[in-house]
Amino acid sequence: MPTPPRGGDFDIQQVTTQLEQGDFRGIWHYTVQKAQKYLLSG
């Protein structure tokens, strides 16, 4: 499995862990954060 470039990418492992814990608010926050960073970077 190729390693994704660092920086603005989605950490699927973190999301999976949060899903297992039922931390949907955490996932939402993380997703919004990544989206904002992505949009701001161009």
PDB file of N, CA and C in Angstrom:
ATOM      1  N   MET A   1       0.847  -1.198   0.000  1.00  0.00           N
ATOM      2  CA  MET A   1       0.000   0.000   0.000  1.00  0.00           C
ATOM      3  C   MET A   1       0.882   1.248   0.000  1.00  0.00           C
ATOM      4  N   PRO A   2       0.712   2.098  -1.003  1.00  0.00           N
ATOM      5  CA  PRO A   2       1.560   3.301  -1.098  1.00  0.00           C
ATOM      6  C   PRO A   2       1.271   4.286   0.015  1.00  0.00           C
ATOM      7  N   THR A   3       2.312   4.959   0.454  1.00  0.00           N
ATOM      8  CA  THR A   3       2.111   5.966   1.499  1.00  0.00           C
ATOM      9  C   THR A   3       1.633   7.249   0.858  1.00  0.00           C
ATOM     10  N   PRO A   4       0.560   7.813   1.376  1.00  0.00           N
ATOM     11  CA  PRO A   4       0.075   9.074   0.828  1.00  0.00           C
ATOM     12  C   PRO A   4       1.035  10.208   1.159  1.00  0.00           C
ATOM     13  N   PRO A   5       1.088  11.240   0.321  1.00  0.00           N
ATOM     14  CA  PRO A   5       1.949  12.383   0.617  1.00  0.00           C
ATOM     15  C   PRO A   5       1.530  13.053   1.916  1.00  0.00           C
ATOM     16  N   ARG A   6       2.496  13.609   2.619  1.00  0.00           N
ATOM     17  CA  ARG A   6       2.195  14.240   3.896  1.00  0.00           C
ATOM     18  C   ARG A   6       1.569  15.611   3.698  1.00  0.00           C
ATOM     19  N   GLY A   7       0.891  16.064   4.715  1.00  0.00           N
ATOM     20  CA  GLY A   7       0.307  17.393   4.636  1.00  0.00           C
ATOM     21  C   GLY A   7      -1.202  17.342   4.598  1.00  0.00           C
ATOM     22  N   GLY A   8      -1.782  17.646   3.442  1.00  0.00           N
ATOM     23  CA  GLY A   8      -3.223  17.818   3.373  1.00  0.00           C
ATOM     24  C   GLY A   8      -4.020  16.547   3.174  1.00  0.00           C
ATOM     25  N   ASP A   9      -3.419  15.359   3.348  1.00  0.00           N
ATOM     26  CA  ASP A   9      -4.219  14.183   3.052  1.00  0.00           C
ATOM     27  C   ASP A   9      -4.979  13.649   4.213  1.00  0.00           C
ATOM     28  N   PHE A  10      -5.881  12.775   3.837  1.00  0.00           N
ATOM     29  CA  PHE A  10      -6.832  12.186   4.753  1.00  0.00           C
ATOM     30  C   PHE A  10      -6.185  11.009   5.446  1.00  0.00           C
ATOM     31  N   ASP A  11      -6.204  11.012   6.756  1.00  0.00           N
ATOM     32  CA  ASP A  11      -5.632   9.894   7.512  1.00  0.00           C
ATOM     33  C   ASP A  11      -6.729   8.864   7.756  1.00  0.00           C
ATOM     34  N   ILE A  12      -6.800   7.884   6.842  1.00  0.00           N
ATOM     35  CA  ILE A  12      -7.872   6.888   6.914  1.00  0.00           C
ATOM     36  C   ILE A  12      -7.779   6.079   8.204  1.00  0.00           C
ATOM     37  N   GLN A  13      -6.563   5.894   8.703  1.00  0.00           N
ATOM     38  CA  GLN A  13      -6.390   5.135   9.944  1.00  0.00           C
ATOM     39  C   GLN A  13      -7.045   5.860  11.118  1.00  0.00           C
ATOM     40  N   GLN A  14      -6.860   7.170  11.171  1.00  0.00           N
ATOM     41  CA  GLN A  14      -7.457   7.956  12.254  1.00  0.00           C
ATOM     42  C   GLN A  14      -8.971   7.918  12.166  1.00  0.00           C
ATOM     43  N   VAL A  15      -9.488   8.068  10.942  1.00  0.00           N
ATOM     44  CA  VAL A  15     -10.929   8.039  10.744  1.00  0.00           C
ATOM     45  C   VAL A  15     -11.506   6.682  11.121  1.00  0.00           C
ATOM     46  N   THR A  16     -10.796   5.615  10.728  1.00  0.00           N
ATOM     47  CA  THR A  16     -11.253   4.263  11.065  1.00  0.00           C
ATOM     48  C   THR A  16     -11.311   4.071  12.569  1.00  0.00           C
ATOM     49  N   THR A  17     -10.272   4.540  13.252  1.00  0.00           N
ATOM     50  CA  THR A  17     -10.238   4.436  14.715  1.00  0.00           C
ATOM     51  C   THR A  17     -11.405   5.189  15.336  1.00  0.00           C
ATOM     52  N   GLN A  18     -11.654   6.389  14.837  1.00  0.00           N
ATOM     53  CA  GLN A  18     -12.756   7.196  15.368  1.00  0.00           C
ATOM     54  C   GLN A  18     -14.102   6.533  15.086  1.00  0.00           C
ATOM     55  N   LEU A  19     -14.227   5.918  13.911  1.00  0.00           N
ATOM     56  CA  LEU A  19     -15.466   5.211  13.574  1.00  0.00           C
ATOM     57  C   LEU A  19     -15.709   4.066  14.543  1.00  0.00           C
ATOM     58  N   GLU A  20     -14.646   3.314  14.828  1.00  0.00           N
ATOM     59  CA  GLU A  20     -14.753   2.183  15.750  1.00  0.00           C
ATOM     60  C   GLU A  20     -15.186   2.649  17.133  1.00  0.00           C
ATOM     61  N   GLN A  21     -14.755   3.844  17.494  1.00  0.00           N
ATOM     62  CA  GLN A  21     -15.106   4.387  18.803  1.00  0.00           C
ATOM     63  C   GLN A  21     -16.440   5.144  18.765  1.00  0.00           C
ATOM     64  N   GLY A  22     -17.001   5.275  17.566  1.00  0.00           N
ATOM     65  CA  GLY A  22     -18.260   5.999  17.424  1.00  0.00           C
ATOM     66  C   GLY A  22     -18.081   7.506  17.562  1.00  0.00           C
ATOM     67  N   ASP A  23     -16.887   7.985  17.291  1.00  0.00           N
ATOM     68  CA  ASP A  23     -16.591   9.409  17.467  1.00  0.00           C
ATOM     69  C   ASP A  23     -16.924  10.182  16.194  1.00  0.00           C
ATOM     70  N   PHE A  24     -18.226  10.326  15.937  1.00  0.00           N
ATOM     71  CA  PHE A  24     -18.641  10.967  14.694  1.00  0.00           C
ATOM     72  C   PHE A  24     -18.376  12.465  14.709  1.00  0.00           C
ATOM     73  N   ARG A  25     -18.468  13.059  15.872  1.00  0.00           N
ATOM     74  CA  ARG A  25     -18.154  14.486  15.982  1.00  0.00           C
ATOM     75  C   ARG A  25     -16.682  14.720  15.656  1.00  0.00           C
ATOM     76  N   GLY A  26     -15.834  13.821  16.135  1.00  0.00           N
ATOM     77  CA  GLY A  26     -14.403  13.916  15.844  1.00  0.00           C
ATOM     78  C   GLY A  26     -14.121  13.784  14.351  1.00  0.00           C
ATOM     79  N   ILE A  27     -14.820  12.838  13.720  1.00  0.00           N
ATOM     80  CA  ILE A  27     -14.654  12.639  12.281  1.00  0.00           C
ATOM     81  C   ILE A  27     -15.100  13.880  11.522  1.00  0.00           C
ATOM     82  N   TRP A  28     -16.240  14.415  11.919  1.00  0.00           N
ATOM     83  CA  TRP A  28     -16.777  15.609  11.252  1.00  0.00           C
ATOM     84  C   TRP A  28     -15.797  16.768  11.374  1.00  0.00           C
ATOM     85  N   HIS A  29     -15.290  16.979  12.582  1.00  0.00           N
ATOM     86  CA  HIS A  29     -14.345  18.060  12.838  1.00  0.00           C
ATOM     87  C   HIS A  29     -13.082  17.872  11.993  1.00  0.00           C
ATOM     88  N   TYR A  30     -12.595  16.640  11.972  1.00  0.00           N
ATOM     89  CA  TYR A  30     -11.390  16.306  11.220  1.00  0.00           C
ATOM     90  C   TYR A  30     -11.604  16.543   9.720  1.00  0.00           C
ATOM     91  N   THR A  31     -12.771  16.117   9.238  1.00  0.00           N
ATOM     92  CA  THR A  31     -13.091  16.270   7.818  1.00  0.00           C
ATOM     93  C   THR A  31     -13.178  17.741   7.428  1.00  0.00           C
ATOM     94  N   VAL A  32     -13.876  18.520   8.260  1.00  0.00           N
ATOM     95  CA  VAL A  32     -14.011  19.957   7.997  1.00  0.00           C
ATOM     96  C   VAL A  32     -12.642  20.627   8.007  1.00  0.00           C
ATOM     97  N   GLN A  33     -11.816  20.236   8.967  1.00  0.00           N
ATOM     98  CA  GLN A  33     -10.465  20.791   9.082  1.00  0.00           C
ATOM     99  C   GLN A  33      -9.659  20.522   7.811  1.00  0.00           C
ATOM    100  N   LYS A  34      -9.714  19.262   7.349  1.00  0.00           N
ATOM    101  CA  LYS A  34      -8.984  18.883   6.142  1.00  0.00           C
ATOM    102  C   LYS A  34      -9.533  19.620   4.927  1.00  0.00           C
ATOM    103  N   ALA A  35     -10.850  19.730   4.862  1.00  0.00           N
ATOM    104  CA  ALA A  35     -11.477  20.408   3.728  1.00  0.00           C
ATOM    105  C   ALA A  35     -11.057  21.873   3.679  1.00  0.00           C
ATOM    106  N   GLN A  36     -11.068  22.527   4.828  1.00  0.00           N
ATOM    107  CA  GLN A  36     -10.668  23.936   4.895  1.00  0.00           C
ATOM    108  C   GLN A  36      -9.215  24.100   4.471  1.00  0.00           C
ATOM    109  N   LYS A  37      -8.349  23.215   4.965  1.00  0.00           N
ATOM    110  CA  LYS A  37      -6.933  23.285   4.640  1.00  0.00           C
ATOM    111  C   LYS A  37      -6.735  23.103   3.136  1.00  0.00           C
ATOM    112  N   TYR A  38      -7.507  22.150   2.574  1.00  0.00           N
ATOM    113  CA  TYR A  38      -7.438  21.864   1.147  1.00  0.00           C
ATOM    114  C   TYR A  38      -7.906  23.067   0.331  1.00  0.00           C
ATOM    115  N   LEU A  39      -9.037  23.640   0.745  1.00  0.00           N
ATOM    116  CA  LEU A  39      -9.586  24.781   0.024  1.00  0.00           C
ATOM    117  C   LEU A  39      -8.679  25.999   0.127  1.00  0.00           C
ATOM    118  N   LEU A  40      -8.112  26.215   1.306  1.00  0.00           N
ATOM    119  CA  LEU A  40      -7.247  27.372   1.508  1.00  0.00           C
ATOM    120  C   LEU A  40      -5.942  27.233   0.740  1.00  0.00           C
ATOM    121  N   SER A  41      -5.449  25.990   0.614  1.00  0.00           N
ATOM    122  CA  SER A  41      -4.165  25.792  -0.044  1.00  0.00           C
ATOM    123  C   SER A  41      -4.301  25.864  -1.564  1.00  0.00           C
ATOM    124  N   GLY A  42      -5.545  25.854  -2.058  1.00  0.00           N
ATOM    125  CA  GLY A  42      -5.647  26.158  -3.431  1.00  0.00           C
ATOM    126  C   GLY A  42      -6.426  25.275  -4.333  1.00  0.00           C
TER     127      GLY A  42
END
